[in-house]
Protein backbone atom coordinates (compact mmCIF):
# COMPACT_ATOMS: atom_id res chain seq x y z
CA UNK A 1 87.82 125.74 88.14
CA UNK A 2 91.18 126.66 86.62
CA UNK A 3 93.42 123.88 85.31
CA UNK A 4 97.20 124.35 85.03
CA UNK A 5 98.23 121.40 82.89
CA UNK A 6 101.98 121.94 82.80
CA UNK A 7 102.34 121.38 86.55
CA UNK A 8 99.42 118.96 86.96
CA UNK A 9 97.17 120.97 89.26
CA UNK A 10 93.64 122.32 89.39
CA UNK A 11 92.47 125.36 91.35
CA UNK A 12 89.57 123.58 93.06
CA UNK A 13 86.01 124.33 94.01
CA UNK A 14 85.74 123.12 97.60
CA UNK A 15 82.91 122.83 100.09
CA UNK A 16 83.16 124.03 103.68
CA UNK A 17 80.77 123.63 106.60
CA UNK A 18 78.29 126.51 106.72
CA UNK A 19 78.55 129.20 109.42
CA UNK A 20 77.12 128.00 112.72
CA UNK A 21 78.34 124.41 112.44
CA UNK A 22 80.48 123.45 115.45
CA UNK A 23 83.81 122.91 113.70
CA UNK A 24 85.31 121.08 116.68
CA UNK A 25 82.67 118.40 116.10
CA UNK A 26 82.79 118.74 112.33
CA UNK A 27 86.49 117.93 111.81
CA UNK A 28 87.76 114.44 112.64
CA UNK A 29 91.17 112.86 112.19
CA UNK A 30 92.30 110.76 109.20
CA UNK A 31 90.48 107.43 108.98
CA UNK A 32 93.69 105.36 109.08
CA UNK A 33 94.70 106.53 112.56
CA UNK A 34 94.19 104.75 115.91
CA UNK A 35 93.24 101.55 114.06
CA UNK A 36 94.14 99.42 117.08
CA UNK A 37 92.68 101.84 119.63
CA UNK A 38 88.87 101.72 119.40
CA UNK A 39 88.62 103.79 122.59
CA UNK A 40 89.79 106.82 120.60
CA UNK A 41 86.95 106.45 118.09
CA UNK A 42 84.44 105.82 120.88
CA UNK A 43 85.45 109.20 122.30
CA UNK A 44 85.03 110.81 118.86
CA UNK A 45 81.50 109.40 118.56
CA UNK A 46 80.58 110.77 121.99
CA UNK A 47 81.95 114.23 121.14
CA UNK A 48 80.13 114.38 117.79
CA UNK A 49 76.78 112.99 118.91
CA UNK A 50 74.09 114.02 116.41
CA UNK A 51 75.95 117.10 115.14
CA UNK A 52 76.99 117.50 111.49
CA UNK A 53 80.44 115.94 111.20
CA UNK A 54 82.91 114.49 108.76
CA UNK A 55 82.72 111.39 110.97
CA UNK A 56 79.52 110.66 109.03
CA UNK A 57 81.26 111.17 105.67
CA UNK A 58 84.33 108.96 106.17
CA UNK A 59 85.07 105.35 107.19
CA UNK A 60 87.44 104.95 110.17
CA UNK A 61 89.51 101.88 109.42
CA UNK A 62 89.04 100.58 112.95
CA UNK A 63 85.58 99.52 111.68
CA UNK A 64 86.71 98.24 108.28
CA UNK A 65 86.40 94.54 109.16
CA UNK A 66 83.06 94.85 110.93
CA UNK A 67 80.12 92.96 109.37
CA UNK A 68 78.12 96.16 108.87
CA UNK A 69 80.72 97.68 106.48
CA UNK A 70 78.41 97.71 103.40
CA UNK A 71 75.66 99.40 105.43
CA UNK A 72 78.14 101.98 106.73
CA UNK A 73 79.25 102.81 103.17
CA UNK A 74 75.63 103.35 102.11
CA UNK A 75 75.13 105.64 105.10
CA UNK A 76 78.26 107.66 104.23
CA UNK A 77 77.15 108.17 100.65
CA UNK A 78 73.57 109.12 101.56
CA UNK A 79 74.82 111.56 104.22
CA UNK A 80 77.02 113.28 101.64
CA UNK A 81 73.96 113.97 99.50
CA UNK A 82 71.96 115.01 102.56
CA UNK A 83 74.60 117.55 103.64
CA UNK A 84 74.73 119.01 100.13
CA UNK A 85 70.95 119.20 99.77
CA UNK A 86 70.52 120.78 103.21
CA UNK A 87 73.18 123.42 102.58
CA UNK A 88 75.38 122.17 105.43
CA UNK A 89 78.23 122.23 102.90
CA UNK A 90 78.72 125.51 101.06
CA UNK A 91 80.80 126.22 97.98
CA UNK A 92 84.15 128.03 98.05
CA UNK A 93 86.30 128.60 94.95
CA UNK A 94 90.08 128.72 95.05
CA UNK A 95 93.16 127.66 96.94
CA UNK A 96 93.16 127.58 100.74
CA UNK A 97 96.29 128.35 102.77
CA UNK A 98 96.32 126.15 105.87
CA UNK A 99 98.15 126.39 109.20
CA UNK A 100 98.11 123.47 111.64
CA UNK A 101 99.56 124.03 115.12
CA UNK A 102 100.12 120.97 117.30
CA UNK A 103 102.78 119.81 119.77
CA UNK A 104 104.31 123.29 119.81
CA UNK A 105 104.92 123.37 116.04
CA UNK A 106 103.05 124.96 113.12
CA UNK A 107 102.93 123.30 109.70
CA UNK A 108 101.93 125.29 106.63
CA UNK A 109 100.19 124.00 103.51
CA UNK A 110 98.07 124.81 100.46
CA UNK A 111 94.90 122.96 99.55
CA UNK A 112 94.67 122.26 95.80
CA UNK A 113 93.76 119.42 93.43
CA UNK A 114 96.26 117.19 91.62
CA UNK A 115 95.77 115.75 88.14
CA UNK A 116 95.65 111.96 88.43
CA UNK A 117 96.79 111.73 84.81
CA UNK A 118 100.18 112.97 86.07
CA UNK A 119 100.38 110.38 88.88
CA UNK A 120 101.60 106.79 88.69
CA UNK A 121 101.99 104.67 91.83
CA UNK A 122 103.52 101.66 90.06
CA UNK A 123 107.07 100.55 90.85
CA UNK A 124 109.69 102.50 88.90
CA UNK A 125 107.35 105.38 88.13
CA UNK A 126 108.84 108.57 86.66
CA UNK A 127 105.66 110.67 86.76
CA UNK A 128 105.41 114.29 87.91
CA UNK A 129 103.47 113.09 90.99
CA UNK A 130 104.95 109.95 92.60
CA UNK A 131 104.46 107.56 95.46
CA UNK A 132 107.32 107.61 97.97
CA UNK A 133 106.64 104.11 99.27
CA UNK A 134 105.40 100.82 97.91
CA UNK A 135 101.66 100.69 97.21
CA UNK A 136 99.84 97.52 98.28
CA UNK A 137 97.27 97.08 95.51
CA UNK A 138 95.41 94.51 97.62
CA UNK A 139 94.50 97.35 100.00
CA UNK A 140 92.71 99.36 97.32
CA UNK A 141 89.41 97.43 96.74
CA UNK A 142 87.83 98.24 100.16
CA UNK A 143 88.71 101.90 99.68
CA UNK A 144 87.36 101.84 96.13
CA UNK A 145 84.00 100.61 97.40
CA UNK A 146 83.79 103.72 99.58
CA UNK A 147 84.80 106.16 96.82
CA UNK A 148 82.63 104.56 94.11
CA UNK A 149 79.23 106.16 94.22
CA UNK A 150 80.40 108.90 96.59
CA UNK A 151 79.36 112.46 95.76
CA UNK A 152 82.32 113.95 97.64
CA UNK A 153 85.93 113.38 98.53
CA UNK A 154 87.38 114.58 101.83
CA UNK A 155 91.18 114.55 101.83
CA UNK A 156 93.60 113.54 104.50
CA UNK A 157 96.31 113.38 101.82
CA UNK A 158 99.50 115.37 102.42
CA UNK A 159 101.82 115.79 99.44
CA UNK A 160 105.34 117.20 99.67
CA UNK A 161 107.30 119.65 97.55
CA UNK A 162 111.08 120.17 97.82
CA UNK A 163 111.38 123.94 98.11
CA UNK A 164 114.50 124.82 100.15
CA UNK A 165 114.31 128.52 99.27
CA UNK A 166 110.65 128.69 100.39
CA UNK A 167 109.11 130.19 97.27
CA UNK A 168 105.68 128.51 97.18
CA UNK A 169 103.98 128.31 100.58
CA UNK A 170 105.94 130.54 102.93
CA UNK A 171 105.09 133.83 101.12
CA UNK A 172 101.44 133.18 102.03
CA UNK A 173 102.38 132.95 105.68
CA UNK A 174 104.12 136.33 105.44
CA UNK A 175 101.06 137.90 103.78
CA UNK A 176 98.22 136.13 105.59
CA UNK A 177 96.97 139.39 107.10
CA UNK A 178 95.85 140.27 103.55
CA UNK A 179 93.86 137.02 103.15
CA UNK A 180 90.32 136.22 104.25
CA UNK A 181 90.15 133.76 107.14
CA UNK A 182 87.68 130.95 106.34
CA UNK A 183 88.07 128.83 109.49
CA UNK A 184 89.93 129.11 112.79
CA UNK A 185 89.30 126.66 115.65
CA UNK A 186 90.69 124.10 118.10
CA UNK A 187 90.61 120.45 117.04
CA UNK A 188 89.19 117.72 119.26
CA UNK A 189 91.15 115.42 121.59
CA UNK A 190 94.32 117.47 122.05
CA UNK A 191 95.12 117.64 118.33
CA UNK A 192 95.96 121.31 118.20
CA UNK A 193 94.57 124.20 116.16
CA UNK A 194 93.57 124.61 112.51
CA UNK A 195 93.31 127.85 110.52
CA UNK A 196 92.46 128.34 106.84
CA UNK A 197 92.74 131.40 104.59
CA UNK A 198 91.25 131.99 101.14
CA UNK A 199 94.03 132.65 98.61
CA UNK A 200 93.04 135.50 96.28
CA UNK A 201 93.92 135.64 92.58
CA UNK A 202 97.05 137.77 93.12
CA UNK A 203 98.65 135.24 95.44
CA UNK A 204 97.26 132.31 93.46
CA UNK A 205 99.27 133.44 90.42
CA UNK A 206 102.40 133.69 92.56
CA UNK A 207 101.91 130.13 93.86
CA UNK A 208 101.51 128.81 90.31
CA UNK A 209 104.63 130.55 89.05
CA UNK A 210 106.67 129.35 92.04
CA UNK A 211 105.60 125.76 91.40
CA UNK A 212 106.55 126.20 87.75
CA UNK A 213 109.96 127.36 88.92
CA UNK A 214 110.49 124.14 90.90
CA UNK A 215 109.39 122.09 87.88
CA UNK A 216 111.90 123.56 85.41
CA UNK A 217 114.02 120.68 84.07
CA UNK A 218 117.27 122.64 84.47
CA UNK A 219 116.42 123.54 88.09
CA UNK A 220 115.49 119.93 88.84
CA UNK A 221 118.66 118.53 87.23
CA UNK A 222 120.95 120.94 89.11
CA UNK A 223 119.25 120.30 92.46
CA UNK A 224 119.61 116.51 92.35
CA UNK A 225 122.67 116.07 90.14
CA UNK A 226 120.80 114.18 87.43
CA UNK A 227 120.65 114.43 83.64
CA UNK A 228 118.70 117.40 82.29
CA UNK A 229 116.39 114.99 80.48
CA UNK A 230 115.44 113.16 83.69
CA UNK A 231 111.68 113.23 84.37
CA UNK A 232 110.81 115.90 86.92
CA UNK A 233 109.41 114.90 90.33
CA UNK A 234 107.42 117.89 91.61
CA UNK A 235 104.97 116.28 94.06
CA UNK A 236 105.97 113.38 96.34
CA UNK A 237 103.48 111.56 98.53
CA UNK A 238 103.72 112.28 102.23
CA UNK A 239 100.62 110.84 103.94
CA UNK A 240 97.61 109.13 102.40
CA UNK A 241 99.47 107.12 99.76
CA UNK A 242 96.68 104.53 99.45
CA UNK A 243 93.99 107.19 99.38
CA UNK A 244 95.55 108.86 96.35
CA UNK A 245 96.15 105.44 94.76
CA UNK A 246 92.45 104.67 95.29
CA UNK A 247 91.46 107.89 93.54
CA UNK A 248 93.77 106.96 90.66
CA UNK A 249 92.34 103.43 90.41
CA UNK A 250 88.76 104.74 90.30
CA UNK A 251 89.71 107.32 87.67
CA UNK A 252 91.32 104.69 85.43
CA UNK A 253 88.20 102.56 85.81
CA UNK A 254 85.64 105.23 84.89
CA UNK A 255 87.41 107.53 82.43
CA UNK A 256 86.48 105.50 79.30
CA UNK A 257 82.82 106.17 80.17
CA UNK A 258 82.97 109.72 81.55
CA UNK A 259 85.63 111.42 79.43
CA UNK A 260 88.70 113.45 80.37
CA UNK A 261 86.89 116.50 81.78
CA UNK A 262 85.24 114.66 84.69
CA UNK A 263 85.92 115.96 88.24
CA UNK A 264 87.15 112.49 89.32
CA UNK A 265 90.26 113.13 87.20
CA UNK A 266 91.52 115.28 90.08
CA UNK A 267 92.11 114.63 93.77
CA UNK A 268 92.04 117.20 96.56
CA UNK A 269 95.25 117.28 98.63
CA UNK A 270 97.25 119.55 100.89
CA UNK A 271 100.79 120.28 99.75
CA UNK A 272 103.53 121.04 102.28
CA UNK A 273 107.20 121.92 101.97
CA UNK A 274 109.48 119.13 103.15
CA UNK A 275 111.74 121.89 104.55
CA UNK A 276 108.98 123.33 106.78
CA UNK A 277 110.43 123.62 110.29
CA UNK A 278 107.07 122.56 111.71
CA UNK A 279 107.17 119.25 109.83
CA UNK A 280 108.85 116.25 111.41
CA UNK A 281 109.23 112.75 110.03
CA UNK A 282 108.34 110.06 112.52
CA UNK A 283 108.98 106.34 112.09
CA UNK A 284 106.05 103.96 111.66
CA UNK A 285 106.37 100.98 113.96
CA UNK A 286 104.97 97.45 113.59
CA UNK A 287 102.79 95.45 115.98
CA UNK A 288 102.00 91.74 115.56
CA UNK A 289 98.82 90.52 117.22
CA UNK A 290 98.02 86.96 118.30
CA UNK A 291 101.39 85.22 117.94
CA UNK A 292 101.00 81.56 117.03
CA UNK A 293 104.57 80.55 116.16
CA UNK A 294 108.02 81.37 117.51
CA UNK A 295 109.03 84.82 116.35
CA UNK A 296 112.67 84.21 117.20
CA UNK A 297 112.70 81.06 115.08
CA UNK A 298 111.49 83.14 112.14
CA UNK A 299 114.19 85.76 112.74
CA UNK A 300 116.86 83.08 113.06
CA UNK A 301 115.68 81.36 109.89
CA UNK A 302 115.98 84.59 107.91
CA UNK A 303 119.07 86.24 109.34
CA UNK A 304 120.94 83.15 110.65
CA UNK A 305 124.24 84.38 112.08
CA UNK A 306 123.68 87.92 110.90
CA UNK A 307 121.57 89.04 113.85
CA UNK A 308 121.92 89.26 117.60
CA UNK A 309 119.22 89.87 120.20
CA UNK A 310 120.13 91.66 123.42
CA UNK A 311 117.61 92.00 126.27
CA UNK A 312 117.46 95.42 127.92
CA UNK A 313 116.03 96.54 131.24
CA UNK A 314 113.37 98.99 130.08
CA UNK A 315 111.50 100.54 127.18
CA UNK A 316 113.50 103.75 127.63
CA UNK A 317 116.78 101.87 127.26
CA UNK A 318 115.51 100.05 124.17
CA UNK A 319 114.47 103.33 122.53
CA UNK A 320 117.76 105.02 123.42
CA UNK A 321 119.85 102.23 121.90
CA UNK A 322 117.84 102.24 118.65
CA UNK A 323 117.73 106.02 118.29
CA UNK A 324 121.47 106.38 118.87
CA UNK A 325 122.52 103.48 116.67
CA UNK A 326 124.89 104.28 113.78
CA UNK A 327 127.28 102.37 111.60
CA UNK A 328 127.02 99.15 109.62
CA UNK A 329 124.69 97.36 112.03
CA UNK A 330 120.96 98.11 111.97
CA UNK A 331 119.21 98.28 115.34
CA UNK A 332 115.51 97.55 115.84
CA UNK A 333 113.69 97.52 119.18
CA UNK A 334 111.56 94.50 120.08
CA UNK A 335 108.80 94.31 122.68
CA UNK A 336 107.34 90.85 123.32
CA UNK A 337 104.34 90.34 125.58
CA UNK A 338 105.48 88.74 128.81
CA UNK A 339 109.15 88.73 127.82
CA UNK A 340 110.11 92.38 128.13
CA UNK A 341 112.31 94.53 125.93
CA UNK A 342 115.30 93.97 123.71
CA UNK A 343 117.25 95.14 120.68
CA UNK A 344 117.84 93.28 117.43
CA UNK A 345 121.14 94.09 115.75
CA UNK A 346 121.43 93.02 112.11
CA UNK A 347 124.66 92.89 110.11
CA UNK A 348 124.76 92.67 106.31
CA UNK A 349 121.17 93.99 106.08
CA UNK A 350 119.17 93.49 102.91
CA UNK A 351 118.04 97.13 102.74
CA UNK A 352 119.53 100.56 103.41
CA UNK A 353 116.76 101.18 105.95
CA UNK A 354 115.90 98.96 108.93
CA UNK A 355 112.23 99.02 107.93
CA UNK A 356 113.16 97.54 104.56
CA UNK A 357 115.20 94.82 106.25
CA UNK A 358 112.51 93.71 108.72
CA UNK A 359 109.33 94.05 106.61
CA UNK A 360 109.91 90.98 104.36
CA UNK A 361 110.45 88.89 107.49
CA UNK A 362 107.14 90.03 108.95
CA UNK A 363 105.36 89.46 105.63
CA UNK A 364 106.66 85.90 105.48
CA UNK A 365 105.87 85.27 109.14
CA UNK A 366 102.27 86.39 108.64
CA UNK A 367 101.90 84.38 105.43
CA UNK A 368 103.05 81.27 107.30
CA UNK A 369 100.41 81.82 110.00
CA UNK A 370 102.83 83.12 112.62
CA UNK A 371 100.41 85.81 113.85
CA UNK A 372 96.78 86.80 113.41
CA UNK A 373 97.47 90.28 111.99
CA UNK A 374 99.84 93.23 111.79
CA UNK A 375 99.21 96.92 112.39
CA UNK A 376 101.31 100.01 111.69
CA UNK A 377 101.37 102.46 114.60
CA UNK A 378 102.77 105.82 115.62
CA UNK A 379 104.48 106.75 118.87
CA UNK A 380 106.77 104.96 121.30
CA UNK A 381 104.04 104.74 123.96
CA UNK A 382 101.73 102.83 121.61
CA UNK A 383 104.56 100.43 120.69
CA UNK A 384 105.20 99.65 124.35
CA UNK A 385 101.52 99.41 125.29
CA UNK A 386 100.47 97.09 122.46
CA UNK A 387 103.67 95.06 122.30
CA UNK A 388 103.53 94.29 126.01
CA UNK A 389 100.10 92.66 125.79
CA UNK A 390 99.98 88.83 125.91
CA UNK A 391 100.66 87.09 122.57
CA UNK A 392 101.71 90.36 120.92
CA UNK A 393 105.06 91.66 119.71
CA UNK A 394 106.07 95.14 118.55
CA UNK A 395 109.04 96.41 116.56
CA UNK A 396 110.36 99.89 117.38
CA UNK A 397 112.01 101.39 114.29
CA UNK A 398 114.33 104.39 113.87
CA UNK A 399 113.29 107.37 111.79
CA UNK A 400 114.74 108.71 108.52
CA UNK A 401 115.87 112.22 107.64
CA UNK A 402 113.23 114.15 105.71
CA UNK A 403 115.93 115.93 103.72
CA UNK A 404 116.84 112.59 102.10
CA UNK A 405 113.34 111.84 100.78
CA UNK A 406 113.25 113.40 97.31
CA UNK A 407 116.76 112.39 96.27
CA UNK A 408 116.21 108.83 97.52
CA UNK A 409 112.97 108.46 95.56
CA UNK A 410 114.54 110.01 92.42
CA UNK A 411 117.65 107.82 92.50
CA UNK A 412 116.41 104.61 94.15
CA UNK A 413 112.65 104.59 93.60
CA UNK A 414 109.91 104.17 96.20
CA UNK A 415 110.84 103.39 99.79
CA UNK A 416 109.60 100.29 101.63
CA UNK A 417 105.94 100.71 102.55
CA UNK A 418 105.10 102.46 105.81
CA UNK A 419 108.63 103.87 106.15
CA UNK A 420 107.84 107.26 107.64
CA UNK A 421 105.00 109.37 108.94
CA UNK A 422 104.56 113.12 108.89
CA UNK A 423 104.19 113.48 112.63
CA UNK A 424 102.55 111.17 115.12
CA UNK A 425 98.91 110.11 115.21
CA UNK A 426 97.36 113.25 116.75
CA UNK A 427 99.31 115.43 114.29
CA UNK A 428 97.65 113.85 111.24
CA UNK A 429 95.42 115.80 108.91
CA UNK A 430 91.80 116.30 109.95
CA UNK A 431 88.92 116.11 107.49
CA UNK A 432 87.74 119.67 107.01
CA UNK A 433 87.14 120.46 103.32
CA UNK A 434 85.23 118.49 100.69
CA UNK A 435 85.12 118.45 96.90
CA UNK A 436 82.53 117.08 94.46
CA UNK A 437 83.76 114.10 92.43
CA UNK A 438 80.53 113.07 90.70
């Protein structure tokens, strides 16, 4: 395993399912998807059956609050060892170039490991690897219980680079006919197609040098109009922020005992170029379940005369108004069970982004017992479906431009949590590759 300290990466040793394993049953979607749609995970269980699958190696968050959680964690960890001992997982050394085709678009990425010593998720961080949104430390302990004692990690983490001239990943796409194909198959439940290629040493060196080019202080300063002494941001979190934060928390906990050369110092991720034409940023919407207090009273108490609610005739009209809104007012769609659709317009907002304006209100409302729980969902159809159910409410939020991400994080710090998503739910990363961490 080669370590490139100056840019905070490791060329990893990964484990792939052995030949003959049904990869359509093996690969399952990121555990933090469809958390309010148990029917999706019921379908996954039926598809997988008794076959080897990453479903048995990960913990879908839809089950996180079930009473059998400790037993499920034990099962996950024992199955990891079983798959290793039985040879179901087989070793592969080196980078993997990945193509994911879904919804008529193809995203390109490289699987590598990041050095957690170069990552800091705390507010105001200036590390080489940074969070792009606020990290909720209270969400880490359940995830830490899963990772502690685990023999393997399986990433759904997507990390972004800002490479407008396409020097790092895109050359692999142009030369993929020269690379060995290591997997190539359709994903389950209409989630597209996944292909992986082994990156040989010649192209590996080119990837490393291209990343070094992006990390040059003079290149960084010129790109973002900052001082040449400003700390370089090379890797920015895309998806899986809390998963990488969990890996960091575990590493900080164990490194005094295990030393700096332990495999848990690194975390397996897929990097993608924020300028990839196949990559789209989607907004993450909010759903409140089990309303117990007046939502409009909470909005009025916070915004007073600075907001206006306008009912609209349909979900389509609500979405159109929000998506086309510009100017000083911020528009947010609202679906309330039994009361239809409407648009909130807020003047003198507290944040540059509507999500940053509304999130503190929802946090306060939940803290005061206004609703049973909140969930963060993808897709306009899910917003309408869940928000329309009795005693629920959903907030439809506009998206942000992906081209603004790096400069915003560099100049303003992390965005409000759950600001954007790299695609909708079915476009999320599937668990495919594993890496030993103990």
